[in-house]
PDB file of N, CA and C in Angstrom:
ATOM      1  N   UNK A   1      85.252  80.246  97.589  1.00  0.00           N
ATOM      2  CA  UNK A   1      86.138  81.403  97.611  1.00  0.00           C
ATOM      3  C   UNK A   1      87.519  80.976  97.128  1.00  0.00           C
ATOM      4  N   UNK A   2      88.162  81.817  96.373  1.00  0.00           N
ATOM      5  CA  UNK A   2      89.504  81.570  95.891  1.00  0.00           C
ATOM      6  C   UNK A   2      90.422  82.640  96.459  1.00  0.00           C
ATOM      7  N   UNK A   3      91.613  82.237  96.914  1.00  0.00           N
ATOM      8  CA  UNK A   3      92.640  83.177  97.324  1.00  0.00           C
ATOM      9  C   UNK A   3      93.709  83.200  96.263  1.00  0.00           C
ATOM     10  N   UNK A   4      93.977  84.392  95.716  1.00  0.00           N
ATOM     11  CA  UNK A   4      95.020  84.574  94.690  1.00  0.00           C
ATOM     12  C   UNK A   4      96.168  85.338  95.343  1.00  0.00           C
ATOM     13  N   UNK A   5      97.171  84.641  95.690  1.00  0.00           N
ATOM     14  CA  UNK A   5      98.315  85.220  96.416  1.00  0.00           C
ATOM     15  C   UNK A   5      99.238  86.046  95.475  1.00  0.00           C
ATOM     16  N   UNK A   6      99.631  87.235  95.933  1.00  0.00           N
ATOM     17  CA  UNK A   6     100.538  88.028  95.131  1.00  0.00           C
ATOM     18  C   UNK A   6     101.847  87.332  94.886  1.00  0.00           C
ATOM     19  N   UNK A   7     102.341  86.582  95.864  1.00  0.00           N
ATOM     20  CA  UNK A   7     103.613  85.891  95.692  1.00  0.00           C
ATOM     21  C   UNK A   7     103.587  84.870  94.540  1.00  0.00           C
ATOM     22  N   UNK A   8     102.417  84.358  94.233  1.00  0.00           N
ATOM     23  CA  UNK A   8     102.246  83.358  93.196  1.00  0.00           C
ATOM     24  C   UNK A   8     101.743  83.965  91.866  1.00  0.00           C
ATOM     25  N   UNK A   9     101.572  85.302  91.840  1.00  0.00           N
ATOM     26  CA  UNK A   9     100.961  85.940  90.687  1.00  0.00           C
ATOM     27  C   UNK A   9     101.881  85.928  89.497  1.00  0.00           C
ATOM     28  N   UNK A  10     101.297  85.679  88.306  1.00  0.00           N
ATOM     29  CA  UNK A  10     102.128  85.789  87.057  1.00  0.00           C
ATOM     30  C   UNK A  10     102.681  87.206  86.937  1.00  0.00           C
ATOM     31  N   UNK A  11     103.907  87.288  86.474  1.00  0.00           N
ATOM     32  CA  UNK A  11     104.597  88.601  86.375  1.00  0.00           C
ATOM     33  C   UNK A  11     104.780  88.927  84.887  1.00  0.00           C
ATOM     34  N   UNK A  12     104.441  90.176  84.513  1.00  0.00           N
ATOM     35  CA  UNK A  12     104.593  90.664  83.099  1.00  0.00           C
ATOM     36  C   UNK A  12     105.446  91.892  83.162  1.00  0.00           C
ATOM     37  N   UNK A  13     106.619  91.833  82.568  1.00  0.00           N
ATOM     38  CA  UNK A  13     107.472  92.997  82.478  1.00  0.00           C
ATOM     39  C   UNK A  13     107.261  93.682  81.141  1.00  0.00           C
ATOM     40  N   UNK A  14     107.085  94.997  81.176  1.00  0.00           N
ATOM     41  CA  UNK A  14     106.910  95.782  79.972  1.00  0.00           C
ATOM     42  C   UNK A  14     107.766  97.060  80.182  1.00  0.00           C
ATOM     43  N   UNK A  15     108.964  97.004  79.632  1.00  0.00           N
ATOM     44  CA  UNK A  15     109.844  98.126  79.815  1.00  0.00           C
ATOM     45  C   UNK A  15     110.206  98.277  81.330  1.00  0.00           C
ATOM     46  N   UNK A  16     110.010  99.452  81.848  1.00  0.00           N
ATOM     47  CA  UNK A  16     110.293  99.743  83.241  1.00  0.00           C
ATOM     48  C   UNK A  16     109.098  99.578  84.167  1.00  0.00           C
ATOM     49  N   UNK A  17     108.032  98.908  83.666  1.00  0.00           N
ATOM     50  CA  UNK A  17     106.827  98.692  84.446  1.00  0.00           C
ATOM     51  C   UNK A  17     106.622  97.170  84.554  1.00  0.00           C
ATOM     52  N   UNK A  18     106.254  96.726  85.730  1.00  0.00           N
ATOM     53  CA  UNK A  18     105.920  95.322  85.969  1.00  0.00           C
ATOM     54  C   UNK A  18     104.474  95.259  86.453  1.00  0.00           C
ATOM     55  N   UNK A  19     103.724  94.307  85.895  1.00  0.00           N
ATOM     56  CA  UNK A  19     102.387  94.049  86.371  1.00  0.00           C
ATOM     57  C   UNK A  19     102.292  92.605  86.883  1.00  0.00           C
ATOM     58  N   UNK A  20     101.450  92.429  87.905  1.00  0.00           N
ATOM     59  CA  UNK A  20     101.292  91.074  88.495  1.00  0.00           C
ATOM     60  C   UNK A  20      99.779  90.836  88.611  1.00  0.00           C
ATOM     61  N   UNK A  21      99.325  89.764  87.925  1.00  0.00           N
ATOM     62  CA  UNK A  21      97.900  89.467  87.934  1.00  0.00           C
ATOM     63  C   UNK A  21      97.468  88.980  89.284  1.00  0.00           C
ATOM     64  N   UNK A  22      96.399  89.583  89.793  1.00  0.00           N
ATOM     65  CA  UNK A  22      95.814  89.178  91.076  1.00  0.00           C
ATOM     66  C   UNK A  22      94.535  88.447  90.892  1.00  0.00           C
ATOM     67  N   UNK A  23      93.427  89.163  90.804  1.00  0.00           N
ATOM     68  CA  UNK A  23      92.105  88.532  90.602  1.00  0.00           C
ATOM     69  C   UNK A  23      91.715  88.750  89.167  1.00  0.00           C
ATOM     70  N   UNK A  24      92.012  87.757  88.342  1.00  0.00           N
ATOM     71  CA  UNK A  24      91.717  87.822  86.904  1.00  0.00           C
ATOM     72  C   UNK A  24      91.073  86.505  86.562  1.00  0.00           C
ATOM     73  N   UNK A  25      90.428  86.378  85.395  1.00  0.00           N
ATOM     74  CA  UNK A  25      89.761  85.134  85.034  1.00  0.00           C
ATOM     75  C   UNK A  25      90.631  83.895  85.152  1.00  0.00           C
ATOM     76  N   UNK A  26      91.935  83.985  84.764  1.00  0.00           N
ATOM     77  CA  UNK A  26      92.731  82.805  84.819  1.00  0.00           C
ATOM     78  C   UNK A  26      93.098  82.385  86.272  1.00  0.00           C
ATOM     79  N   UNK A  27      92.756  83.275  87.218  1.00  0.00           N
ATOM     80  CA  UNK A  27      93.030  82.971  88.640  1.00  0.00           C
ATOM     81  C   UNK A  27      91.743  82.880  89.436  1.00  0.00           C
ATOM     82  N   UNK A  28      90.597  82.787  88.788  1.00  0.00           N
ATOM     83  CA  UNK A  28      89.363  82.502  89.483  1.00  0.00           C
ATOM     84  C   UNK A  28      88.303  83.637  89.485  1.00  0.00           C
ATOM     85  N   UNK A  29      88.627  84.846  88.989  1.00  0.00           N
ATOM     86  CA  UNK A  29      87.639  85.915  88.963  1.00  0.00           C
ATOM     87  C   UNK A  29      86.785  85.852  87.708  1.00  0.00           C
ATOM     88  N   UNK A  30      85.483  86.003  87.857  1.00  0.00           N
ATOM     89  CA  UNK A  30      84.641  85.900  86.660  1.00  0.00           C
ATOM     90  C   UNK A  30      84.176  87.208  86.127  1.00  0.00           C
ATOM     91  N   UNK A  31      84.171  88.299  86.968  1.00  0.00           N
ATOM     92  CA  UNK A  31      83.628  89.575  86.539  1.00  0.00           C
ATOM     93  C   UNK A  31      84.636  90.694  86.533  1.00  0.00           C
ATOM     94  N   UNK A  32      85.669  90.589  87.391  1.00  0.00           N
ATOM     95  CA  UNK A  32      86.638  91.663  87.548  1.00  0.00           C
ATOM     96  C   UNK A  32      88.041  91.237  87.122  1.00  0.00           C
ATOM     97  N   UNK A  33      88.852  92.174  86.821  1.00  0.00           N
ATOM     98  CA  UNK A  33      90.279  91.959  86.575  1.00  0.00           C
ATOM     99  C   UNK A  33      91.012  92.958  87.461  1.00  0.00           C
ATOM    100  N   UNK A  34      91.879  92.440  88.343  1.00  0.00           N
ATOM    101  CA  UNK A  34      92.644  93.287  89.266  1.00  0.00           C
ATOM    102  C   UNK A  34      94.112  92.833  89.170  1.00  0.00           C
ATOM    103  N   UNK A  35      94.990  93.835  89.050  1.00  0.00           N
ATOM    104  CA  UNK A  35      96.419  93.556  88.988  1.00  0.00           C
ATOM    105  C   UNK A  35      97.184  94.638  89.753  1.00  0.00           C
ATOM    106  N   UNK A  36      98.409  94.320  90.146  1.00  0.00           N
ATOM    107  CA  UNK A  36      99.304  95.253  90.811  1.00  0.00           C
ATOM    108  C   UNK A  36     100.299  95.750  89.791  1.00  0.00           C
ATOM    109  N   UNK A  37     100.703  97.031  89.922  1.00  0.00           N
ATOM    110  CA  UNK A  37     101.713  97.609  89.037  1.00  0.00           C
ATOM    111  C   UNK A  37     102.863  98.164  89.835  1.00  0.00           C
ATOM    112  N   UNK A  38     104.016  98.145  89.228  1.00  0.00           N
ATOM    113  CA  UNK A  38     105.264  98.695  89.854  1.00  0.00           C
ATOM    114  C   UNK A  38     106.012  99.396  88.747  1.00  0.00           C
ATOM    115  N   UNK A  39     106.128 100.732  88.857  1.00  0.00           N
ATOM    116  CA  UNK A  39     106.849 101.514  87.871  1.00  0.00           C
ATOM    117  C   UNK A  39     108.176 102.019  88.436  1.00  0.00           C
ATOM    118  N   UNK A  40     109.230 101.729  87.726  1.00  0.00           N
ATOM    119  CA  UNK A  40     110.593 102.202  88.090  1.00  0.00           C
ATOM    120  C   UNK A  40     110.580 103.738  88.008  1.00  0.00           C
ATOM    121  N   UNK A  41     111.577 104.371  88.714  1.00  0.00           N
ATOM    122  CA  UNK A  41     111.693 105.846  88.616  1.00  0.00           C
ATOM    123  C   UNK A  41     111.824 106.230  87.134  1.00  0.00           C
ATOM    124  N   UNK A  42     111.052 107.240  86.754  1.00  0.00           N
ATOM    125  CA  UNK A  42     111.114 107.741  85.369  1.00  0.00           C
ATOM    126  C   UNK A  42     110.381 106.909  84.349  1.00  0.00           C
ATOM    127  N   UNK A  43     109.761 105.815  84.717  1.00  0.00           N
ATOM    128  CA  UNK A  43     109.100 104.915  83.733  1.00  0.00           C
ATOM    129  C   UNK A  43     107.879 105.609  83.175  1.00  0.00           C
ATOM    130  N   UNK A  44     107.608 105.292  81.903  1.00  0.00           N
ATOM    131  CA  UNK A  44     106.422 105.820  81.220  1.00  0.00           C
ATOM    132  C   UNK A  44     105.881 104.801  80.295  1.00  0.00           C
ATOM    133  N   UNK A  45     104.605 104.827  80.057  1.00  0.00           N
ATOM    134  CA  UNK A  45     103.937 103.929  79.126  1.00  0.00           C
ATOM    135  C   UNK A  45     103.390 104.668  77.912  1.00  0.00           C
ATOM    136  N   UNK A  46     103.054 103.984  76.868  1.00  0.00           N
ATOM    137  CA  UNK A  46     102.532 104.563  75.655  1.00  0.00           C
ATOM    138  C   UNK A  46     101.087 104.997  75.817  1.00  0.00           C
ATOM    139  N   UNK A  47     100.682 105.986  75.046  1.00  0.00           N
ATOM    140  CA  UNK A  47      99.267 106.337  75.032  1.00  0.00           C
ATOM    141  C   UNK A  47      98.483 105.208  74.394  1.00  0.00           C
ATOM    142  N   UNK A  48      97.316 104.952  75.002  1.00  0.00           N
ATOM    143  CA  UNK A  48      96.448 103.872  74.535  1.00  0.00           C
ATOM    144  C   UNK A  48      95.032 104.105  75.023  1.00  0.00           C
ATOM    145  N   UNK A  49      94.099 103.298  74.605  1.00  0.00           N
ATOM    146  CA  UNK A  49      92.712 103.389  75.122  1.00  0.00           C
ATOM    147  C   UNK A  49      92.314 101.949  75.569  1.00  0.00           C
ATOM    148  N   UNK A  50      91.355 101.902  76.424  1.00  0.00           N
ATOM    149  CA  UNK A  50      90.759 100.622  76.847  1.00  0.00           C
ATOM    150  C   UNK A  50      89.245 100.716  76.655  1.00  0.00           C
ATOM    151  N   UNK A  51      88.626  99.543  76.531  1.00  0.00           N
ATOM    152  CA  UNK A  51      87.179  99.549  76.237  1.00  0.00           C
ATOM    153  C   UNK A  51      86.303  99.428  77.483  1.00  0.00           C
ATOM    154  N   UNK A  52      86.929  99.402  78.640  1.00  0.00           N
ATOM    155  CA  UNK A  52      86.200  99.334  79.866  1.00  0.00           C
ATOM    156  C   UNK A  52      86.805 100.368  80.835  1.00  0.00           C
ATOM    157  N   UNK A  53      86.023 100.803  81.821  1.00  0.00           N
ATOM    158  CA  UNK A  53      86.538 101.695  82.838  1.00  0.00           C
ATOM    159  C   UNK A  53      87.674 101.025  83.600  1.00  0.00           C
ATOM    160  N   UNK A  54      88.726 101.790  83.929  1.00  0.00           N
ATOM    161  CA  UNK A  54      89.823 101.287  84.768  1.00  0.00           C
ATOM    162  C   UNK A  54      90.018 102.240  85.928  1.00  0.00           C
ATOM    163  N   UNK A  55      90.324 101.695  87.118  1.00  0.00           N
ATOM    164  CA  UNK A  55      90.576 102.488  88.274  1.00  0.00           C
ATOM    165  C   UNK A  55      91.987 102.108  88.766  1.00  0.00           C
ATOM    166  N   UNK A  56      92.875 103.086  88.837  1.00  0.00           N
ATOM    167  CA  UNK A  56      94.216 102.891  89.332  1.00  0.00           C
ATOM    168  C   UNK A  56      94.295 103.511  90.739  1.00  0.00           C
ATOM    169  N   UNK A  57      94.662 102.692  91.726  1.00  0.00           N
ATOM    170  CA  UNK A  57      94.827 103.215  93.109  1.00  0.00           C
ATOM    171  C   UNK A  57      96.319 103.156  93.385  1.00  0.00           C
ATOM    172  N   UNK A  58      96.878 104.330  93.704  1.00  0.00           N
ATOM    173  CA  UNK A  58      98.335 104.489  93.954  1.00  0.00           C
ATOM    174  C   UNK A  58      98.584 104.072  95.382  1.00  0.00           C
ATOM    175  N   UNK A  59      99.499 103.142  95.605  1.00  0.00           N
ATOM    176  CA  UNK A  59      99.827 102.699  96.980  1.00  0.00           C
ATOM    177  C   UNK A  59     101.157 103.288  97.475  1.00  0.00           C
ATOM    178  N   UNK A  60     102.036 103.679  96.569  1.00  0.00           N
ATOM    179  CA  UNK A  60     103.220 104.417  96.924  1.00  0.00           C
ATOM    180  C   UNK A  60     103.729 105.238  95.784  1.00  0.00           C
ATOM    181  N   UNK A  61     104.428 106.329  96.085  1.00  0.00           N
ATOM    182  CA  UNK A  61     104.943 107.182  95.050  1.00  0.00           C
ATOM    183  C   UNK A  61     103.861 108.032  94.424  1.00  0.00           C
ATOM    184  N   UNK A  62     104.142 108.497  93.189  1.00  0.00           N
ATOM    185  CA  UNK A  62     103.169 109.305  92.431  1.00  0.00           C
ATOM    186  C   UNK A  62     103.093 108.814  91.030  1.00  0.00           C
ATOM    187  N   UNK A  63     101.964 108.984  90.432  1.00  0.00           N
ATOM    188  CA  UNK A  63     101.754 108.619  89.040  1.00  0.00           C
ATOM    189  C   UNK A  63     101.121 109.863  88.369  1.00  0.00           C
ATOM    190  N   UNK A  64     101.631 110.190  87.171  1.00  0.00           N
ATOM    191  CA  UNK A  64     101.020 111.206  86.332  1.00  0.00           C
ATOM    192  C   UNK A  64     100.306 110.488  85.195  1.00  0.00           C
ATOM    193  N   UNK A  65      99.023 110.852  85.019  1.00  0.00           N
ATOM    194  CA  UNK A  65      98.273 110.316  83.949  1.00  0.00           C
ATOM    195  C   UNK A  65      97.878 111.434  83.003  1.00  0.00           C
ATOM    196  N   UNK A  66      98.096 111.207  81.740  1.00  0.00           N
ATOM    197  CA  UNK A  66      97.612 112.179  80.709  1.00  0.00           C
ATOM    198  C   UNK A  66      96.371 111.540  80.125  1.00  0.00           C
ATOM    199  N   UNK A  67      95.217 112.155  80.430  1.00  0.00           N
ATOM    200  CA  UNK A  67      93.919 111.627  79.993  1.00  0.00           C
ATOM    201  C   UNK A  67      93.295 112.614  79.024  1.00  0.00           C
ATOM    202  N   UNK A  68      93.159 112.239  77.779  1.00  0.00           N
ATOM    203  CA  UNK A  68      92.555 113.134  76.784  1.00  0.00           C
ATOM    204  C   UNK A  68      93.327 114.414  76.684  1.00  0.00           C
ATOM    205  N   UNK A  69      94.672 114.349  76.837  1.00  0.00           N
ATOM    206  CA  UNK A  69      95.533 115.523  76.715  1.00  0.00           C
ATOM    207  C   UNK A  69      95.675 116.370  77.980  1.00  0.00           C
ATOM    208  N   UNK A  70      95.023 115.989  79.081  1.00  0.00           N
ATOM    209  CA  UNK A  70      95.101 116.728  80.328  1.00  0.00           C
ATOM    210  C   UNK A  70      95.862 115.907  81.386  1.00  0.00           C
ATOM    211  N   UNK A  71      96.872 116.582  82.072  1.00  0.00           N
ATOM    212  CA  UNK A  71      97.645 115.858  83.092  1.00  0.00           C
ATOM    213  C   UNK A  71      96.961 115.824  84.408  1.00  0.00           C
ATOM    214  N   UNK A  72      96.992 114.667  85.079  1.00  0.00           N
ATOM    215  CA  UNK A  72      96.457 114.474  86.402  1.00  0.00           C
ATOM    216  C   UNK A  72      97.517 113.770  87.251  1.00  0.00           C
ATOM    217  N   UNK A  73      97.707 114.257  88.459  1.00  0.00           N
ATOM    218  CA  UNK A  73      98.729 113.677  89.355  1.00  0.00           C
ATOM    219  C   UNK A  73      98.020 112.950  90.464  1.00  0.00           C
ATOM    220  N   UNK A  74      98.404 111.763  90.732  1.00  0.00           N
ATOM    221  CA  UNK A  74      97.821 110.956  91.830  1.00  0.00           C
ATOM    222  C   UNK A  74      98.942 110.507  92.747  1.00  0.00           C
ATOM    223  N   UNK A  75      98.742 110.662  94.041  1.00  0.00           N
ATOM    224  CA  UNK A  75      99.747 110.242  95.007  1.00  0.00           C
ATOM    225  C   UNK A  75      99.158 109.075  95.835  1.00  0.00           C
ATOM    226  N   UNK A  76      99.894 108.711  96.840  1.00  0.00           N
ATOM    227  CA  UNK A  76      99.507 107.572  97.694  1.00  0.00           C
ATOM    228  C   UNK A  76      98.096 107.695  98.208  1.00  0.00           C
ATOM    229  N   UNK A  77      97.339 106.696  97.954  1.00  0.00           N
ATOM    230  CA  UNK A  77      95.927 106.666  98.402  1.00  0.00           C
ATOM    231  C   UNK A  77      94.936 107.233  97.387  1.00  0.00           C
ATOM    232  N   UNK A  78      95.417 107.925  96.338  1.00  0.00           N
ATOM    233  CA  UNK A  78      94.538 108.529  95.364  1.00  0.00           C
ATOM    234  C   UNK A  78      94.152 107.498  94.304  1.00  0.00           C
ATOM    235  N   UNK A  79      93.002 107.743  93.654  1.00  0.00           N
ATOM    236  CA  UNK A  79      92.557 106.895  92.525  1.00  0.00           C
ATOM    237  C   UNK A  79      92.447 107.665  91.286  1.00  0.00           C
ATOM    238  N   UNK A  80      92.924 107.115  90.208  1.00  0.00           N
ATOM    239  CA  UNK A  80      92.729 107.674  88.817  1.00  0.00           C
ATOM    240  C   UNK A  80      91.621 106.843  88.214  1.00  0.00           C
ATOM    241  N   UNK A  81      90.588 107.491  87.720  1.00  0.00           N
ATOM    242  CA  UNK A  81      89.508 106.817  87.101  1.00  0.00           C
ATOM    243  C   UNK A  81      89.515 107.091  85.587  1.00  0.00           C
ATOM    244  N   UNK A  82      89.741 106.104  84.795  1.00  0.00           N
ATOM    245  CA  UNK A  82      89.876 106.268  83.368  1.00  0.00           C
ATOM    246  C   UNK A  82      88.617 105.751  82.686  1.00  0.00           C
ATOM    247  N   UNK A  83      87.938 106.639  81.981  1.00  0.00           N
ATOM    248  CA  UNK A  83      86.717 106.274  81.237  1.00  0.00           C
ATOM    249  C   UNK A  83      87.068 105.461  80.009  1.00  0.00           C
ATOM    250  N   UNK A  84      86.139 104.605  79.585  1.00  0.00           N
ATOM    251  CA  UNK A  84      86.413 103.789  78.366  1.00  0.00           C
ATOM    252  C   UNK A  84      86.668 104.727  77.148  1.00  0.00           C
ATOM    253  N   UNK A  85      87.569 104.226  76.301  1.00  0.00           N
ATOM    254  CA  UNK A  85      87.837 104.883  75.016  1.00  0.00           C
ATOM    255  C   UNK A  85      88.439 106.262  75.128  1.00  0.00           C
ATOM    256  N   UNK A  86      89.059 106.550  76.294  1.00  0.00           N
ATOM    257  CA  UNK A  86      89.737 107.847  76.465  1.00  0.00           C
ATOM    258  C   UNK A  86      91.233 107.614  76.326  1.00  0.00           C
ATOM    259  N   UNK A  87      91.919 108.306  75.404  1.00  0.00           N
ATOM    260  CA  UNK A  87      93.317 108.105  75.296  1.00  0.00           C
ATOM    261  C   UNK A  87      94.035 108.545  76.546  1.00  0.00           C
ATOM    262  N   UNK A  88      94.956 107.635  77.031  1.00  0.00           N
ATOM    263  CA  UNK A  88      95.694 107.945  78.218  1.00  0.00           C
ATOM    264  C   UNK A  88      97.048 107.295  78.227  1.00  0.00           C
ATOM    265  N   UNK A  89      97.918 107.888  79.041  1.00  0.00           N
ATOM    266  CA  UNK A  89      99.297 107.317  79.260  1.00  0.00           C
ATOM    267  C   UNK A  89      99.649 107.614  80.677  1.00  0.00           C
ATOM    268  N   UNK A  90     100.431 106.737  81.274  1.00  0.00           N
ATOM    269  CA  UNK A  90     100.888 106.874  82.646  1.00  0.00           C
ATOM    270  C   UNK A  90     102.408 107.004  82.709  1.00  0.00           C
ATOM    271  N   UNK A  91     102.884 107.739  83.753  1.00  0.00           N
ATOM    272  CA  UNK A  91     104.323 107.825  83.966  1.00  0.00           C
ATOM    273  C   UNK A  91     104.581 108.061  85.432  1.00  0.00           C
ATOM    274  N   UNK A  92     105.765 107.660  85.865  1.00  0.00           N
ATOM    275  CA  UNK A  92     106.293 107.920  87.202  1.00  0.00           C
ATOM    276  C   UNK A  92     107.197 109.110  87.090  1.00  0.00           C
ATOM    277  N   UNK A  93     106.790 110.280  87.600  1.00  0.00           N
ATOM    278  CA  UNK A  93     107.591 111.483  87.455  1.00  0.00           C
ATOM    279  C   UNK A  93     108.847 111.513  88.318  1.00  0.00           C
ATOM    280  N   UNK A  94     108.963 110.649  89.278  1.00  0.00           N
ATOM    281  CA  UNK A  94     110.158 110.640  90.175  1.00  0.00           C
ATOM    282  C   UNK A  94     111.352 110.039  89.499  1.00  0.00           C
ATOM    283  N   UNK A  95     112.496 110.591  89.798  1.00  0.00           N
ATOM    284  CA  UNK A  95     113.762 110.049  89.316  1.00  0.00           C
ATOM    285  C   UNK A  95     114.414 109.125  90.358  1.00  0.00           C
ATOM    286  N   UNK A  96     113.774 109.037  91.581  1.00  0.00           N
ATOM    287  CA  UNK A  96     114.385 108.261  92.648  1.00  0.00           C
ATOM    288  C   UNK A  96     113.438 107.248  93.286  1.00  0.00           C
ATOM    289  N   UNK A  97     112.127 107.434  93.189  1.00  0.00           N
ATOM    290  CA  UNK A  97     111.194 106.555  93.880  1.00  0.00           C
ATOM    291  C   UNK A  97     110.358 105.750  92.902  1.00  0.00           C
ATOM    292  N   UNK A  98     110.059 104.485  93.285  1.00  0.00           N
ATOM    293  CA  UNK A  98     109.150 103.654  92.506  1.00  0.00           C
ATOM    294  C   UNK A  98     107.750 104.142  92.757  1.00  0.00           C
ATOM    295  N   UNK A  99     106.822 103.854  91.828  1.00  0.00           N
ATOM    296  CA  UNK A  99     105.398 104.118  91.990  1.00  0.00           C
ATOM    297  C   UNK A  99     104.727 102.749  91.898  1.00  0.00           C
ATOM    298  N   UNK A 100     103.840 102.439  92.859  1.00  0.00           N
ATOM    299  CA  UNK A 100     103.154 101.177  92.905  1.00  0.00           C
ATOM    300  C   UNK A 100     101.678 101.404  93.084  1.00  0.00           C
ATOM    301  N   UNK A 101     100.921 100.404  92.716  1.00  0.00           N
ATOM    302  CA  UNK A 101      99.456 100.524  92.909  1.00  0.00           C
ATOM    303  C   UNK A 101      98.713  99.305  92.474  1.00  0.00           C
ATOM    304  N   UNK A 102      97.394  99.394  92.488  1.00  0.00           N
ATOM    305  CA  UNK A 102      96.511  98.309  92.101  1.00  0.00           C
ATOM    306  C   UNK A 102      95.525  98.875  91.081  1.00  0.00           C
ATOM    307  N   UNK A 103      95.193  98.088  90.097  1.00  0.00           N
ATOM    308  CA  UNK A 103      94.255  98.468  89.038  1.00  0.00           C
ATOM    309  C   UNK A 103      93.068  97.496  89.094  1.00  0.00           C
ATOM    310  N   UNK A 104      91.843  98.058  88.913  1.00  0.00           N
ATOM    311  CA  UNK A 104      90.654  97.248  88.861  1.00  0.00           C
ATOM    312  C   UNK A 104      89.846  97.669  87.619  1.00  0.00           C
ATOM    313  N   UNK A 105      89.378  96.683  86.948  1.00  0.00           N
ATOM    314  CA  UNK A 105      88.587  96.891  85.717  1.00  0.00           C
ATOM    315  C   UNK A 105      87.637  95.681  85.591  1.00  0.00           C
ATOM    316  N   UNK A 106      86.976  95.580  84.426  1.00  0.00           N
ATOM    317  CA  UNK A 106      86.068  94.444  84.137  1.00  0.00           C
ATOM    318  C   UNK A 106      86.853  93.336  83.412  1.00  0.00           C
ATOM    319  N   UNK A 107      86.497  92.070  83.712  1.00  0.00           N
ATOM    320  CA  UNK A 107      87.060  90.992  82.979  1.00  0.00           C
ATOM    321  C   UNK A 107      86.716  91.162  81.509  1.00  0.00           C
ATOM    322  N   UNK A 108      87.667  90.757  80.651  1.00  0.00           N
ATOM    323  CA  UNK A 108      87.416  90.852  79.187  1.00  0.00           C
ATOM    324  C   UNK A 108      87.897  92.211  78.585  1.00  0.00           C
ATOM    325  N   UNK A 109      88.569  93.014  79.337  1.00  0.00           N
ATOM    326  CA  UNK A 109      89.008  94.267  78.831  1.00  0.00           C
ATOM    327  C   UNK A 109      89.935  94.074  77.605  1.00  0.00           C
ATOM    328  N   UNK A 110      89.769  95.017  76.651  1.00  0.00           N
ATOM    329  CA  UNK A 110      90.709  95.065  75.514  1.00  0.00           C
ATOM    330  C   UNK A 110      91.277  96.477  75.446  1.00  0.00           C
ATOM    331  N   UNK A 111      92.487  96.561  74.852  1.00  0.00           N
ATOM    332  CA  UNK A 111      93.150  97.858  74.712  1.00  0.00           C
ATOM    333  C   UNK A 111      93.468  98.087  73.262  1.00  0.00           C
ATOM    334  N   UNK A 112      93.514  99.342  72.914  1.00  0.00           N
ATOM    335  CA  UNK A 112      93.989  99.743  71.532  1.00  0.00           C
ATOM    336  C   UNK A 112      95.275 100.501  71.693  1.00  0.00           C
ATOM    337  N   UNK A 113      96.301  99.991  71.016  1.00  0.00           N
ATOM    338  CA  UNK A 113      97.628 100.549  71.111  1.00  0.00           C
ATOM    339  C   UNK A 113      98.261 100.530  69.761  1.00  0.00           C
ATOM    340  N   UNK A 114      98.657 101.723  69.274  1.00  0.00           N
ATOM    341  CA  UNK A 114      99.296 101.833  67.978  1.00  0.00           C
ATOM    342  C   UNK A 114      98.458 101.286  66.828  1.00  0.00           C
ATOM    343  N   UNK A 115      97.127 101.452  66.943  1.00  0.00           N
ATOM    344  CA  UNK A 115      96.238 100.977  65.884  1.00  0.00           C
ATOM    345  C   UNK A 115      95.903  99.491  65.955  1.00  0.00           C
ATOM    346  N   UNK A 116      96.375  98.815  66.967  1.00  0.00           N
ATOM    347  CA  UNK A 116      96.063  97.388  67.123  1.00  0.00           C
ATOM    348  C   UNK A 116      95.279  97.182  68.391  1.00  0.00           C
ATOM    349  N   UNK A 117      94.341  96.238  68.333  1.00  0.00           N
ATOM    350  CA  UNK A 117      93.603  95.850  69.542  1.00  0.00           C
ATOM    351  C   UNK A 117      94.262  94.627  70.146  1.00  0.00           C
ATOM    352  N   UNK A 118      94.517  94.765  71.473  1.00  0.00           N
ATOM    353  CA  UNK A 118      95.188  93.692  72.198  1.00  0.00           C
ATOM    354  C   UNK A 118      94.337  93.273  73.426  1.00  0.00           C
ATOM    355  N   UNK A 119      94.618  92.060  73.885  1.00  0.00           N
ATOM    356  CA  UNK A 119      94.077  91.555  75.168  1.00  0.00           C
ATOM    357  C   UNK A 119      95.240  91.647  76.124  1.00  0.00           C
ATOM    358  N   UNK A 120      95.193  92.616  77.085  1.00  0.00           N
ATOM    359  CA  UNK A 120      96.317  92.700  78.062  1.00  0.00           C
ATOM    360  C   UNK A 120      96.513  91.386  78.752  1.00  0.00           C
ATOM    361  N   UNK A 121      97.692  90.750  78.615  1.00  0.00           N
ATOM    362  CA  UNK A 121      97.867  89.385  79.211  1.00  0.00           C
ATOM    363  C   UNK A 121      97.705  89.361  80.727  1.00  0.00           C
ATOM    364  N   UNK A 122      98.014  90.432  81.425  1.00  0.00           N
ATOM    365  CA  UNK A 122      97.926  90.472  82.883  1.00  0.00           C
ATOM    366  C   UNK A 122      96.475  90.566  83.324  1.00  0.00           C
ATOM    367  N   UNK A 123      95.517  90.827  82.381  1.00  0.00           N
ATOM    368  CA  UNK A 123      94.134  90.965  82.782  1.00  0.00           C
ATOM    369  C   UNK A 123      93.307  89.719  82.396  1.00  0.00           C
ATOM    370  N   UNK A 124      93.958  88.686  81.916  1.00  0.00           N
ATOM    371  CA  UNK A 124      93.245  87.488  81.416  1.00  0.00           C
ATOM    372  C   UNK A 124      93.176  86.456  82.453  1.00  0.00           C
TER     373      UNK A 124
END
């Protein structure tokens, strides 16, 4: 068994959103990729797709996801389930509160963003 402490997790800043790798291949996980996210008030990410299912569990605040052109709001304790190859973007609609949560997907996930395929570094 491996313990991957959040305090020791690699940190990736992307605009107003920070991700911290938890259980990912580089930290001992062979099948899953799990990371924590923290979105500043008003933060938003670009529309993209991923090749594996992703599950976002909101632990504080609210997150708005636009999935295939449809808005979905998730609050504390809610899960957003994103199907593979579905265009989506996330944002924190609050102007005063942070939004935090945990994401779980399969190891080896790739994303398509702006016509390019990338390996999200926080999932490796």
